[in-house]
PDB file of N, CA and C in Angstrom:
ATOM      1  N   MET A   1     -38.495-104.971  30.258  1.00  0.00           N
ATOM      2  CA  MET A   1     -38.053-103.644  30.653  1.00  0.00           C
ATOM      3  C   MET A   1     -39.209-102.664  30.525  1.00  0.00           C
ATOM      4  N   THR A   2     -39.219-101.691  31.394  1.00  0.00           N
ATOM      5  CA  THR A   2     -40.213-100.632  31.296  1.00  0.00           C
ATOM      6  C   THR A   2     -39.758 -99.617  30.248  1.00  0.00           C
ATOM      7  N   PRO A   3     -40.672 -98.800  29.757  1.00  0.00           N
ATOM      8  CA  PRO A   3     -40.252 -97.760  28.802  1.00  0.00           C
ATOM      9  C   PRO A   3     -39.162 -96.852  29.377  1.00  0.00           C
ATOM     10  N   GLY A   4     -39.263 -96.534  30.652  1.00  0.00           N
ATOM     11  CA  GLY A   4     -38.237 -95.702  31.283  1.00  0.00           C
ATOM     12  C   GLY A   4     -36.882 -96.381  31.331  1.00  0.00           C
ATOM     13  N   ALA A   5     -36.868 -97.683  31.582  1.00  0.00           N
ATOM     14  CA  ALA A   5     -35.610 -98.433  31.609  1.00  0.00           C
ATOM     15  C   ALA A   5     -34.987 -98.488  30.220  1.00  0.00           C
ATOM     16  N   ARG A   6     -35.808 -98.601  29.201  1.00  0.00           N
ATOM     17  CA  ARG A   6     -35.288 -98.586  27.823  1.00  0.00           C
ATOM     18  C   ARG A   6     -34.647 -97.239  27.513  1.00  0.00           C
ATOM     19  N   ILE A   7     -35.296 -96.185  27.961  1.00  0.00           N
ATOM     20  CA  ILE A   7     -34.759 -94.837  27.741  1.00  0.00           C
ATOM     21  C   ILE A   7     -33.444 -94.666  28.491  1.00  0.00           C
ATOM     22  N   ALA A   8     -33.387 -95.150  29.733  1.00  0.00           N
ATOM     23  CA  ALA A   8     -32.154 -95.050  30.517  1.00  0.00           C
ATOM     24  C   ALA A   8     -31.017 -95.806  29.833  1.00  0.00           C
ATOM     25  N   ALA A   9     -31.307 -96.967  29.282  1.00  0.00           N
ATOM     26  CA  ALA A   9     -30.292 -97.737  28.562  1.00  0.00           C
ATOM     27  C   ALA A   9     -29.813 -96.978  27.331  1.00  0.00           C
ATOM     28  N   ALA A  10     -30.748 -96.370  26.614  1.00  0.00           N
ATOM     29  CA  ALA A  10     -30.379 -95.593  25.421  1.00  0.00           C
ATOM     30  C   ALA A  10     -29.496 -94.409  25.808  1.00  0.00           C
ATOM     31  N   ILE A  11     -29.813 -93.744  26.905  1.00  0.00           N
ATOM     32  CA  ILE A  11     -28.993 -92.616  27.367  1.00  0.00           C
ATOM     33  C   ILE A  11     -27.593 -93.100  27.730  1.00  0.00           C
ATOM     34  N   ASP A  12     -27.495 -94.261  28.395  1.00  0.00           N
ATOM     35  CA  ASP A  12     -26.177 -94.821  28.731  1.00  0.00           C
ATOM     36  C   ASP A  12     -25.359 -95.084  27.474  1.00  0.00           C
ATOM     37  N   ILE A  13     -25.987 -95.650  26.464  1.00  0.00           N
ATOM     38  CA  ILE A  13     -25.277 -95.937  25.214  1.00  0.00           C
ATOM     39  C   ILE A  13     -24.857 -94.649  24.529  1.00  0.00           C
ATOM     40  N   LEU A  14     -25.731 -93.651  24.492  1.00  0.00           N
ATOM     41  CA  LEU A  14     -25.393 -92.370  23.863  1.00  0.00           C
ATOM     42  C   LEU A  14     -24.239 -91.684  24.592  1.00  0.00           C
ATOM     43  N   ASP A  15     -24.231 -91.765  25.935  1.00  0.00           N
ATOM     44  CA  ASP A  15     -23.106 -91.207  26.697  1.00  0.00           C
ATOM     45  C   ASP A  15     -21.801 -91.902  26.332  1.00  0.00           C
ATOM     46  N   ALA A  16     -21.845 -93.231  26.199  1.00  0.00           N
ATOM     47  CA  ALA A  16     -20.645 -93.988  25.837  1.00  0.00           C
ATOM     48  C   ALA A  16     -20.178 -93.657  24.424  1.00  0.00           C
ATOM     49  N   ILE A  17     -21.107 -93.428  23.525  1.00  0.00           N
ATOM     50  CA  ILE A  17     -20.752 -93.062  22.145  1.00  0.00           C
ATOM     51  C   ILE A  17     -20.041 -91.716  22.134  1.00  0.00           C
ATOM     52  N   GLU A  18     -20.552 -90.763  22.904  1.00  0.00           N
ATOM     53  CA  GLU A  18     -19.948 -89.432  22.950  1.00  0.00           C
ATOM     54  C   GLU A  18     -18.599 -89.431  23.656  1.00  0.00           C
ATOM     55  N   ALA A  19     -18.386 -90.387  24.555  1.00  0.00           N
ATOM     56  CA  ALA A  19     -17.166 -90.403  25.363  1.00  0.00           C
ATOM     57  C   ALA A  19     -15.934 -90.909  24.622  1.00  0.00           C
ATOM     58  N   GLY A  20     -16.117 -91.674  23.581  1.00  0.00           N
ATOM     59  CA  GLY A  20     -14.947 -92.257  22.943  1.00  0.00           C
ATOM     60  C   GLY A  20     -15.019 -92.279  21.443  1.00  0.00           C
ATOM     61  N   PRO A  21     -13.927 -92.722  20.823  1.00  0.00           N
ATOM     62  CA  PRO A  21     -13.856 -92.722  19.362  1.00  0.00           C
ATOM     63  C   PRO A  21     -14.434 -93.971  18.702  1.00  0.00           C
ATOM     64  N   ARG A  22     -14.963 -94.910  19.493  1.00  0.00           N
ATOM     65  CA  ARG A  22     -15.489 -96.144  18.911  1.00  0.00           C
ATOM     66  C   ARG A  22     -16.767 -95.886  18.124  1.00  0.00           C
ATOM     67  N   PRO A  23     -16.993 -96.670  17.067  1.00  0.00           N
ATOM     68  CA  PRO A  23     -18.230 -96.520  16.289  1.00  0.00           C
ATOM     69  C   PRO A  23     -19.465 -96.846  17.135  1.00  0.00           C
ATOM     70  N   ALA A  24     -20.559 -96.229  16.798  1.00  0.00           N
ATOM     71  CA  ALA A  24     -21.806 -96.400  17.550  1.00  0.00           C
ATOM     72  C   ALA A  24     -22.249 -97.856  17.599  1.00  0.00           C
ATOM     73  N   ASP A  25     -22.094 -98.571  16.493  1.00  0.00           N
ATOM     74  CA  ASP A  25     -22.486 -99.989  16.464  1.00  0.00           C
ATOM     75  C   ASP A  25     -21.693-100.815  17.470  1.00  0.00           C
ATOM     76  N   ASP A  26     -20.383-100.538  17.573  1.00  0.00           N
ATOM     77  CA  ASP A  26     -19.539-101.273  18.516  1.00  0.00           C
ATOM     78  C   ASP A  26     -19.932-100.978  19.959  1.00  0.00           C
ATOM     79  N   VAL A  27     -20.222 -99.721  20.235  1.00  0.00           N
ATOM     80  CA  VAL A  27     -20.616 -99.328  21.593  1.00  0.00           C
ATOM     81  C   VAL A  27     -21.930-100.003  21.974  1.00  0.00           C
ATOM     82  N   ALA A  28     -22.899 -99.966  21.069  1.00  0.00           N
ATOM     83  CA  ALA A  28     -24.197-100.582  21.343  1.00  0.00           C
ATOM     84  C   ALA A  28     -24.060-102.090  21.515  1.00  0.00           C
ATOM     85  N   ALA A  29     -23.294-102.729  20.659  1.00  0.00           N
ATOM     86  CA  ALA A  29     -23.108-104.180  20.766  1.00  0.00           C
ATOM     87  C   ALA A  29     -22.434-104.546  22.085  1.00  0.00           C
ATOM     88  N   GLY A  30     -21.448-103.764  22.491  1.00  0.00           N
ATOM     89  CA  GLY A  30     -20.780-104.006  23.765  1.00  0.00           C
ATOM     90  C   GLY A  30     -21.718-103.842  24.946  1.00  0.00           C
ATOM     91  N   TYR A  31     -22.566-102.847  24.885  1.00  0.00           N
ATOM     92  CA  TYR A  31     -23.546-102.626  25.962  1.00  0.00           C
ATOM     93  C   TYR A  31     -24.496-103.819  26.063  1.00  0.00           C
ATOM     94  N   PHE A  32     -24.996-104.269  24.937  1.00  0.00           N
ATOM     95  CA  PHE A  32     -25.931-105.397  24.955  1.00  0.00           C
ATOM     96  C   PHE A  32     -25.247-106.698  25.382  1.00  0.00           C
ATOM     97  N   ARG A  33     -23.952-106.858  25.073  1.00  0.00           N
ATOM     98  CA  ARG A  33     -23.217-108.036  25.530  1.00  0.00           C
ATOM     99  C   ARG A  33     -23.082-108.037  27.047  1.00  0.00           C
ATOM    100  N   LYS A  34     -22.848-106.855  27.628  1.00  0.00           N
ATOM    101  CA  LYS A  34     -22.712-106.737  29.082  1.00  0.00           C
ATOM    102  C   LYS A  34     -24.046-106.909  29.795  1.00  0.00           C
ATOM    103  N   HIS A  35     -25.125-106.612  29.118  1.00  0.00           N
ATOM    104  CA  HIS A  35     -26.465-106.658  29.716  1.00  0.00           C
ATOM    105  C   HIS A  35     -27.296-107.721  28.997  1.00  0.00           C
ATOM    106  N   ARG A  36     -26.916-108.960  29.176  1.00  0.00           N
ATOM    107  CA  ARG A  36     -27.559-110.072  28.475  1.00  0.00           C
ATOM    108  C   ARG A  36     -29.021-110.263  28.839  1.00  0.00           C
ATOM    109  N   TYR A  37     -29.424-109.740  29.985  1.00  0.00           N
ATOM    110  CA  TYR A  37     -30.813-109.908  30.413  1.00  0.00           C
ATOM    111  C   TYR A  37     -31.794-109.118  29.550  1.00  0.00           C
ATOM    112  N   ILE A  38     -31.303-108.201  28.762  1.00  0.00           N
ATOM    113  CA  ILE A  38     -32.181-107.400  27.914  1.00  0.00           C
ATOM    114  C   ILE A  38     -32.665-108.278  26.760  1.00  0.00           C
ATOM    115  N   GLY A  39     -33.965-108.441  26.640  1.00  0.00           N
ATOM    116  CA  GLY A  39     -34.546-109.285  25.599  1.00  0.00           C
ATOM    117  C   GLY A  39     -34.462-108.654  24.216  1.00  0.00           C
ATOM    118  N   SER A  40     -34.784-109.436  23.213  1.00  0.00           N
ATOM    119  CA  SER A  40     -34.632-108.973  21.833  1.00  0.00           C
ATOM    120  C   SER A  40     -35.551-107.794  21.508  1.00  0.00           C
ATOM    121  N   LYS A  41     -36.776-107.818  22.013  1.00  0.00           N
ATOM    122  CA  LYS A  41     -37.689-106.699  21.746  1.00  0.00           C
ATOM    123  C   LYS A  41     -37.215-105.435  22.445  1.00  0.00           C
ATOM    124  N   ASP A  42     -36.702-105.596  23.660  1.00  0.00           N
ATOM    125  CA  ASP A  42     -36.175-104.439  24.379  1.00  0.00           C
ATOM    126  C   ASP A  42     -34.922-103.903  23.696  1.00  0.00           C
ATOM    127  N   ARG A  43     -34.037-104.794  23.230  1.00  0.00           N
ATOM    128  CA  ARG A  43     -32.844-104.353  22.500  1.00  0.00           C
ATOM    129  C   ARG A  43     -33.230-103.577  21.258  1.00  0.00           C
ATOM    130  N   ALA A  44     -34.233-104.047  20.561  1.00  0.00           N
ATOM    131  CA  ALA A  44     -34.680-103.356  19.346  1.00  0.00           C
ATOM    132  C   ALA A  44     -35.193-101.958  19.680  1.00  0.00           C
ATOM    133  N   GLN A  45     -35.938-101.832  20.754  1.00  0.00           N
ATOM    134  CA  GLN A  45     -36.473-100.520  21.142  1.00  0.00           C
ATOM    135  C   GLN A  45     -35.356 -99.576  21.598  1.00  0.00           C
ATOM    136  N   VAL A  46     -34.417-100.096  22.381  1.00  0.00           N
ATOM    137  CA  VAL A  46     -33.284 -99.274  22.828  1.00  0.00           C
ATOM    138  C   VAL A  46     -32.475 -98.815  21.618  1.00  0.00           C
ATOM    139  N   ALA A  47     -32.199 -99.734  20.709  1.00  0.00           N
ATOM    140  CA  ALA A  47     -31.453 -99.379  19.501  1.00  0.00           C
ATOM    141  C   ALA A  47     -32.207 -98.340  18.683  1.00  0.00           C
ATOM    142  N   ARG A  48     -33.525 -98.474  18.604  1.00  0.00           N
ATOM    143  CA  ARG A  48     -34.324 -97.488  17.865  1.00  0.00           C
ATOM    144  C   ARG A  48     -34.172 -96.103  18.485  1.00  0.00           C
ATOM    145  N   HIS A  49     -34.223 -96.040  19.813  1.00  0.00           N
ATOM    146  CA  HIS A  49     -34.029 -94.749  20.498  1.00  0.00           C
ATOM    147  C   HIS A  49     -32.648 -94.170  20.165  1.00  0.00           C
ATOM    148  N   VAL A  50     -31.616 -94.999  20.275  1.00  0.00           N
ATOM    149  CA  VAL A  50     -30.240 -94.535  20.053  1.00  0.00           C
ATOM    150  C   VAL A  50     -30.072 -94.013  18.630  1.00  0.00           C
ATOM    151  N   TYR A  51     -30.508 -94.784  17.652  1.00  0.00           N
ATOM    152  CA  TYR A  51     -30.284 -94.381  16.265  1.00  0.00           C
ATOM    153  C   TYR A  51     -31.188 -93.232  15.836  1.00  0.00           C
ATOM    154  N   THR A  52     -32.321 -93.063  16.489  1.00  0.00           N
ATOM    155  CA  THR A  52     -33.148 -91.873  16.233  1.00  0.00           C
ATOM    156  C   THR A  52     -32.387 -90.625  16.649  1.00  0.00           C
ATOM    157  N   VAL A  53     -31.764 -90.677  17.824  1.00  0.00           N
ATOM    158  CA  VAL A  53     -30.984 -89.528  18.292  1.00  0.00           C
ATOM    159  C   VAL A  53     -29.797 -89.275  17.361  1.00  0.00           C
ATOM    160  N   LEU A  54     -29.108 -90.318  16.967  1.00  0.00           N
ATOM    161  CA  LEU A  54     -27.941 -90.132  16.095  1.00  0.00           C
ATOM    162  C   LEU A  54     -28.333 -89.585  14.720  1.00  0.00           C
ATOM    163  N   ARG A  55     -29.445 -90.057  14.170  1.00  0.00           N
ATOM    164  CA  ARG A  55     -29.894 -89.589  12.848  1.00  0.00           C
ATOM    165  C   ARG A  55     -30.337 -88.134  12.874  1.00  0.00           C
ATOM    166  N   HIS A  56     -30.968 -87.718  13.953  1.00  0.00           N
ATOM    167  CA  HIS A  56     -31.558 -86.379  14.016  1.00  0.00           C
ATOM    168  C   HIS A  56     -30.795 -85.447  14.952  1.00  0.00           C
ATOM    169  N   ARG A  57     -29.538 -85.725  15.182  1.00  0.00           N
ATOM    170  CA  ARG A  57     -28.769 -84.995  16.200  1.00  0.00           C
ATOM    171  C   ARG A  57     -28.763 -83.482  15.988  1.00  0.00           C
ATOM    172  N   ALA A  58     -28.545 -83.021  14.794  1.00  0.00           N
ATOM    173  CA  ALA A  58     -28.481 -81.571  14.541  1.00  0.00           C
ATOM    174  C   ALA A  58     -29.813 -80.898  14.852  1.00  0.00           C
ATOM    175  N   ALA A  59     -30.895 -81.485  14.388  1.00  0.00           N
ATOM    176  CA  ALA A  59     -32.221 -80.910  14.671  1.00  0.00           C
ATOM    177  C   ALA A  59     -32.539 -80.962  16.164  1.00  0.00           C
ATOM    178  N   LEU A  60     -32.164 -82.054  16.817  1.00  0.00           N
ATOM    179  CA  LEU A  60     -32.427 -82.179  18.254  1.00  0.00           C
ATOM    180  C   LEU A  60     -31.631 -81.152  19.051  1.00  0.00           C
ATOM    181  N   ASP A  61     -30.374 -80.928  18.656  1.00  0.00           N
ATOM    182  CA  ASP A  61     -29.571 -79.902  19.323  1.00  0.00           C
ATOM    183  C   ASP A  61     -30.216 -78.527  19.173  1.00  0.00           C
ATOM    184  N   TRP A  62     -30.774 -78.259  18.010  1.00  0.00           N
ATOM    185  CA  TRP A  62     -31.454 -76.980  17.796  1.00  0.00           C
ATOM    186  C   TRP A  62     -32.644 -76.848  18.741  1.00  0.00           C
ATOM    187  N   TRP A  63     -33.456 -77.911  18.864  1.00  0.00           N
ATOM    188  CA  TRP A  63     -34.609 -77.874  19.766  1.00  0.00           C
ATOM    189  C   TRP A  63     -34.186 -77.720  21.218  1.00  0.00           C
ATOM    190  N   VAL A  64     -33.102 -78.384  21.604  1.00  0.00           N
ATOM    191  CA  VAL A  64     -32.610 -78.281  22.981  1.00  0.00           C
ATOM    192  C   VAL A  64     -32.182 -76.858  23.272  1.00  0.00           C
ATOM    193  N   GLU A  65     -31.426 -76.259  22.358  1.00  0.00           N
ATOM    194  CA  GLU A  65     -30.981 -74.878  22.556  1.00  0.00           C
ATOM    195  C   GLU A  65     -32.160 -73.914  22.580  1.00  0.00           C
ATOM    196  N   ARG A  66     -33.114 -74.120  21.709  1.00  0.00           N
ATOM    197  CA  ARG A  66     -34.280 -73.236  21.642  1.00  0.00           C
ATOM    198  C   ARG A  66     -35.112 -73.312  22.916  1.00  0.00           C
ATOM    199  N   ALA A  67     -35.350 -74.509  23.400  1.00  0.00           N
ATOM    200  CA  ALA A  67     -36.175 -74.676  24.603  1.00  0.00           C
ATOM    201  C   ALA A  67     -35.425 -74.279  25.864  1.00  0.00           C
ATOM    202  N   GLY A  68     -34.113 -74.551  25.886  1.00  0.00           N
ATOM    203  CA  GLY A  68     -33.342 -74.287  27.094  1.00  0.00           C
ATOM    204  C   GLY A  68     -32.857 -72.864  27.230  1.00  0.00           C
ATOM    205  N   ARG A  69     -32.812 -72.156  26.140  1.00  0.00           N
ATOM    206  CA  ARG A  69     -32.314 -70.780  26.145  1.00  0.00           C
ATOM    207  C   ARG A  69     -30.997 -70.672  26.934  1.00  0.00           C
ATOM    208  N   ASN A  70     -30.058 -71.549  26.551  1.00  0.00           N
ATOM    209  CA  ASN A  70     -28.719 -71.597  27.137  1.00  0.00           C
ATOM    210  C   ASN A  70     -28.705 -72.085  28.587  1.00  0.00           C
ATOM    211  N   ASN A  71     -29.819 -72.585  29.110  1.00  0.00           N
ATOM    212  CA  ASN A  71     -29.844 -73.128  30.461  1.00  0.00           C
ATOM    213  C   ASN A  71     -29.682 -74.638  30.473  1.00  0.00           C
ATOM    214  N   ILE A  72     -29.643 -75.250  29.316  1.00  0.00           N
ATOM    215  CA  ILE A  72     -29.503 -76.705  29.226  1.00  0.00           C
ATOM    216  C   ILE A  72     -28.488 -77.033  28.141  1.00  0.00           C
ATOM    217  N   ALA A  73     -27.575 -77.914  28.464  1.00  0.00           N
ATOM    218  CA  ALA A  73     -26.554 -78.313  27.499  1.00  0.00           C
ATOM    219  C   ALA A  73     -27.088 -79.442  26.632  1.00  0.00           C
ATOM    220  N   ALA A  74     -26.573 -79.518  25.424  1.00  0.00           N
ATOM    221  CA  ALA A  74     -26.976 -80.586  24.507  1.00  0.00           C
ATOM    222  C   ALA A  74     -26.258 -81.869  24.923  1.00  0.00           C
ATOM    223  N   SER A  75     -26.826 -82.566  25.877  1.00  0.00           N
ATOM    224  CA  SER A  75     -26.264 -83.823  26.371  1.00  0.00           C
ATOM    225  C   SER A  75     -27.069 -84.986  25.809  1.00  0.00           C
ATOM    226  N   ALA A  76     -26.610 -86.193  26.102  1.00  0.00           N
ATOM    227  CA  ALA A  76     -27.343 -87.383  25.652  1.00  0.00           C
ATOM    228  C   ALA A  76     -28.753 -87.385  26.240  1.00  0.00           C
ATOM    229  N   ARG A  77     -28.873 -87.008  27.498  1.00  0.00           N
ATOM    230  CA  ARG A  77     -30.187 -86.971  28.158  1.00  0.00           C
ATOM    231  C   ARG A  77     -31.106 -85.952  27.489  1.00  0.00           C
ATOM    232  N   ALA A  78     -30.603 -84.744  27.241  1.00  0.00           N
ATOM    233  CA  ALA A  78     -31.419 -83.706  26.611  1.00  0.00           C
ATOM    234  C   ALA A  78     -31.817 -84.101  25.200  1.00  0.00           C
ATOM    235  N   ARG A  79     -30.884 -84.699  24.463  1.00  0.00           N
ATOM    236  CA  ARG A  79     -31.207 -85.144  23.104  1.00  0.00           C
ATOM    237  C   ARG A  79     -32.262 -86.249  23.126  1.00  0.00           C
ATOM    238  N   MET A  80     -32.180 -87.135  24.118  1.00  0.00           N
ATOM    239  CA  MET A  80     -33.156 -88.220  24.221  1.00  0.00           C
ATOM    240  C   MET A  80     -34.540 -87.652  24.512  1.00  0.00           C
ATOM    241  N   ILE A  81     -34.610 -86.686  25.396  1.00  0.00           N
ATOM    242  CA  ILE A  81     -35.891 -86.045  25.711  1.00  0.00           C
ATOM    243  C   ILE A  81     -36.461 -85.382  24.458  1.00  0.00           C
ATOM    244  N   ALA A  82     -35.612 -84.653  23.740  1.00  0.00           N
ATOM    245  CA  ALA A  82     -36.058 -83.990  22.516  1.00  0.00           C
ATOM    246  C   ALA A  82     -36.475 -85.003  21.463  1.00  0.00           C
ATOM    247  N   ALA A  83     -35.747 -86.107  21.352  1.00  0.00           N
ATOM    248  CA  ALA A  83     -36.086 -87.136  20.367  1.00  0.00           C
ATOM    249  C   ALA A  83     -37.435 -87.759  20.680  1.00  0.00           C
ATOM    250  N   LEU A  84     -37.700 -88.009  21.951  1.00  0.00           N
ATOM    251  CA  LEU A  84     -38.992 -88.577  22.327  1.00  0.00           C
ATOM    252  C   LEU A  84     -40.126 -87.628  21.953  1.00  0.00           C
ATOM    253  N   ALA A  85     -39.916 -86.339  22.198  1.00  0.00           N
ATOM    254  CA  ALA A  85     -40.966 -85.352  21.939  1.00  0.00           C
ATOM    255  C   ALA A  85     -41.120 -85.040  20.456  1.00  0.00           C
ATOM    256  N   VAL A  86     -40.017 -84.881  19.758  1.00  0.00           N
ATOM    257  CA  VAL A  86     -40.067 -84.398  18.377  1.00  0.00           C
ATOM    258  C   VAL A  86     -40.081 -85.546  17.366  1.00  0.00           C
ATOM    259  N   ALA A  87     -39.092 -86.425  17.448  1.00  0.00           N
ATOM    260  CA  ALA A  87     -38.940 -87.465  16.425  1.00  0.00           C
ATOM    261  C   ALA A  87     -39.866 -88.660  16.637  1.00  0.00           C
ATOM    262  N   GLU A  88     -40.141 -89.005  17.899  1.00  0.00           N
ATOM    263  CA  GLU A  88     -40.967 -90.179  18.162  1.00  0.00           C
ATOM    264  C   GLU A  88     -42.406 -89.826  18.544  1.00  0.00           C
ATOM    265  N   ASN A  89     -42.720 -88.549  18.604  1.00  0.00           N
ATOM    266  CA  ASN A  89     -44.071 -88.046  18.858  1.00  0.00           C
ATOM    267  C   ASN A  89     -44.729 -88.620  20.111  1.00  0.00           C
ATOM    268  N   GLU A  90     -43.948 -88.774  21.174  1.00  0.00           N
ATOM    269  CA  GLU A  90     -44.515 -89.239  22.440  1.00  0.00           C
ATOM    270  C   GLU A  90     -45.216 -88.074  23.113  1.00  0.00           C
ATOM    271  N   LYS A  91     -46.266 -88.369  23.829  1.00  0.00           N
ATOM    272  CA  LYS A  91     -47.003 -87.338  24.556  1.00  0.00           C
ATOM    273  C   LYS A  91     -46.218 -86.918  25.790  1.00  0.00           C
ATOM    274  N   ALA A  92     -46.431 -85.685  26.221  1.00  0.00           N
ATOM    275  CA  ALA A  92     -45.688 -85.144  27.363  1.00  0.00           C
ATOM    276  C   ALA A  92     -45.878 -86.000  28.610  1.00  0.00           C
ATOM    277  N   GLY A  93     -47.074 -86.496  28.833  1.00  0.00           N
ATOM    278  CA  GLY A  93     -47.335 -87.331  30.000  1.00  0.00           C
ATOM    279  C   GLY A  93     -46.541 -88.625  29.983  1.00  0.00           C
ATOM    280  N   GLN A  94     -46.377 -89.221  28.800  1.00  0.00           N
ATOM    281  CA  GLN A  94     -45.595 -90.449  28.683  1.00  0.00           C
ATOM    282  C   GLN A  94     -44.118 -90.191  28.967  1.00  0.00           C
ATOM    283  N   ILE A  95     -43.623 -89.079  28.480  1.00  0.00           N
ATOM    284  CA  ILE A  95     -42.217 -88.735  28.707  1.00  0.00           C
ATOM    285  C   ILE A  95     -41.979 -88.474  30.186  1.00  0.00           C
ATOM    286  N   THR A  96     -42.849 -87.691  30.797  1.00  0.00           N
ATOM    287  CA  THR A  96     -42.717 -87.390  32.220  1.00  0.00           C
ATOM    288  C   THR A  96     -42.793 -88.663  33.052  1.00  0.00           C
ATOM    289  N   ALA A  97     -43.671 -89.583  32.684  1.00  0.00           N
ATOM    290  CA  ALA A  97     -43.800 -90.847  33.416  1.00  0.00           C
ATOM    291  C   ALA A  97     -42.540 -91.698  33.281  1.00  0.00           C
ATOM    292  N   SER A  98     -41.887 -91.637  32.142  1.00  0.00           N
ATOM    293  CA  SER A  98     -40.667 -92.407  31.937  1.00  0.00           C
ATOM    294  C   SER A  98     -39.490 -91.827  32.717  1.00  0.00           C
ATOM    295  N   PHE A  99     -39.497 -90.530  32.944  1.00  0.00           N
ATOM    296  CA  PHE A  99     -38.438 -89.846  33.685  1.00  0.00           C
ATOM    297  C   PHE A  99     -38.940 -89.541  35.095  1.00  0.00           C
ATOM    298  N   ASP A 100     -39.175 -90.593  35.880  1.00  0.00           N
ATOM    299  CA  ASP A 100     -39.704 -90.372  37.220  1.00  0.00           C
ATOM    300  C   ASP A 100     -38.703 -90.688  38.326  1.00  0.00           C
ATOM    301  N   GLY A 101     -37.503 -91.118  37.954  1.00  0.00           N
ATOM    302  CA  GLY A 101     -36.479 -91.405  38.942  1.00  0.00           C
ATOM    303  C   GLY A 101     -36.665 -92.733  39.656  1.00  0.00           C
ATOM    304  N   GLY A 102     -37.574 -93.555  39.177  1.00  0.00           N
ATOM    305  CA  GLY A 102     -37.804 -94.861  39.776  1.00  0.00           C
ATOM    306  C   GLY A 102     -36.665 -95.818  39.478  1.00  0.00           C
ATOM    307  N   ARG A 103     -36.822 -97.031  39.952  1.00  0.00           N
ATOM    308  CA  ARG A 103     -35.782 -98.036  39.767  1.00  0.00           C
ATOM    309  C   ARG A 103     -35.557 -98.298  38.277  1.00  0.00           C
ATOM    310  N   PHE A 104     -34.304 -98.199  37.862  1.00  0.00           N
ATOM    311  CA  PHE A 104     -33.854 -98.429  36.484  1.00  0.00           C
ATOM    312  C   PHE A 104     -34.369 -97.374  35.507  1.00  0.00           C
ATOM    313  N   ARG A 105     -34.923 -96.275  35.987  1.00  0.00           N
ATOM    314  CA  ARG A 105     -35.433 -95.229  35.105  1.00  0.00           C
ATOM    315  C   ARG A 105     -34.630 -93.943  35.323  1.00  0.00           C
ATOM    316  N   PRO A 106     -34.605 -93.068  34.331  1.00  0.00           N
ATOM    317  CA  PRO A 106     -33.864 -91.810  34.469  1.00  0.00           C
ATOM    318  C   PRO A 106     -34.441 -90.938  35.575  1.00  0.00           C
ATOM    319  N   ALA A 107     -33.598 -90.065  36.088  1.00  0.00           N
ATOM    320  CA  ALA A 107     -34.019 -89.125  37.134  1.00  0.00           C
ATOM    321  C   ALA A 107     -35.152 -88.240  36.627  1.00  0.00           C
ATOM    322  N   ALA A 108     -35.910 -87.709  37.568  1.00  0.00           N
ATOM    323  CA  ALA A 108     -37.044 -86.842  37.221  1.00  0.00           C
ATOM    324  C   ALA A 108     -36.566 -85.635  36.412  1.00  0.00           C
ATOM    325  N   LEU A 109     -37.463 -85.120  35.603  1.00  0.00           N
ATOM    326  CA  LEU A 109     -37.143 -83.981  34.747  1.00  0.00           C
ATOM    327  C   LEU A 109     -36.934 -82.716  35.573  1.00  0.00           C
ATOM    328  N   ALA A 110     -35.893 -81.970  35.234  1.00  0.00           N
ATOM    329  CA  ALA A 110     -35.678 -80.653  35.813  1.00  0.00           C
ATOM    330  C   ALA A 110     -36.650 -79.689  35.149  1.00  0.00           C
ATOM    331  N   PRO A 111     -36.899 -78.524  35.758  1.00  0.00           N
ATOM    332  CA  PRO A 111     -37.830 -77.575  35.148  1.00  0.00           C
ATOM    333  C   PRO A 111     -37.474 -77.183  33.710  1.00  0.00           C
ATOM    334  N   VAL A 112     -36.193 -77.019  33.429  1.00  0.00           N
ATOM    335  CA  VAL A 112     -35.801 -76.648  32.062  1.00  0.00           C
ATOM    336  C   VAL A 112     -36.061 -77.821  31.104  1.00  0.00           C
ATOM    337  N   GLU A 113     -35.881 -79.053  31.580  1.00  0.00           N
ATOM    338  CA  GLU A 113     -36.185 -80.220  30.738  1.00  0.00           C
ATOM    339  C   GLU A 113     -37.670 -80.380  30.546  1.00  0.00           C
ATOM    340  N   ASP A 114     -38.429 -80.041  31.551  1.00  0.00           N
ATOM    341  CA  ASP A 114     -39.891 -80.082  31.430  1.00  0.00           C
ATOM    342  C   ASP A 114     -40.359 -79.100  30.367  1.00  0.00           C
ATOM    343  N   ARG A 115     -39.708 -77.951  30.289  1.00  0.00           N
ATOM    344  CA  ARG A 115     -40.032 -76.967  29.242  1.00  0.00           C
ATOM    345  C   ARG A 115     -39.709 -77.531  27.865  1.00  0.00           C
ATOM    346  N   LEU A 116     -38.647 -78.312  27.772  1.00  0.00           N
ATOM    347  CA  LEU A 116     -38.265 -78.933  26.518  1.00  0.00           C
ATOM    348  C   LEU A 116     -39.347 -79.899  26.048  1.00  0.00           C
ATOM    349  N   VAL A 117     -39.930 -80.633  26.989  1.00  0.00           N
ATOM    350  CA  VAL A 117     -40.994 -81.575  26.656  1.00  0.00           C
ATOM    351  C   VAL A 117     -42.189 -80.796  26.159  1.00  0.00           C
TER     352      VAL A 117
END
């Protein structure tokens, strides 16, 4: 998987976690069961992204609100972008490259999301 595909998978899992009352571990395990083609190293990286967002959710929401100035909602996508920039210390160019809208990758960054990066 490409880094962008890993991020897209993490966003899908975070959306599923927010959508229902199931525990995060169950949601992640179900996602990986449905997507058996994801290798062990990729699963580990996707899980790392997901649990980074869950661990730092309050701080990430603060960064999203601060950067968006009420123009961006604290969604799974916004939290993932903030987590990459703040918690995982990825460079802006790497984040932008991962969000290019290519095959299996998240859609390109909106201007407000670019400001967040």
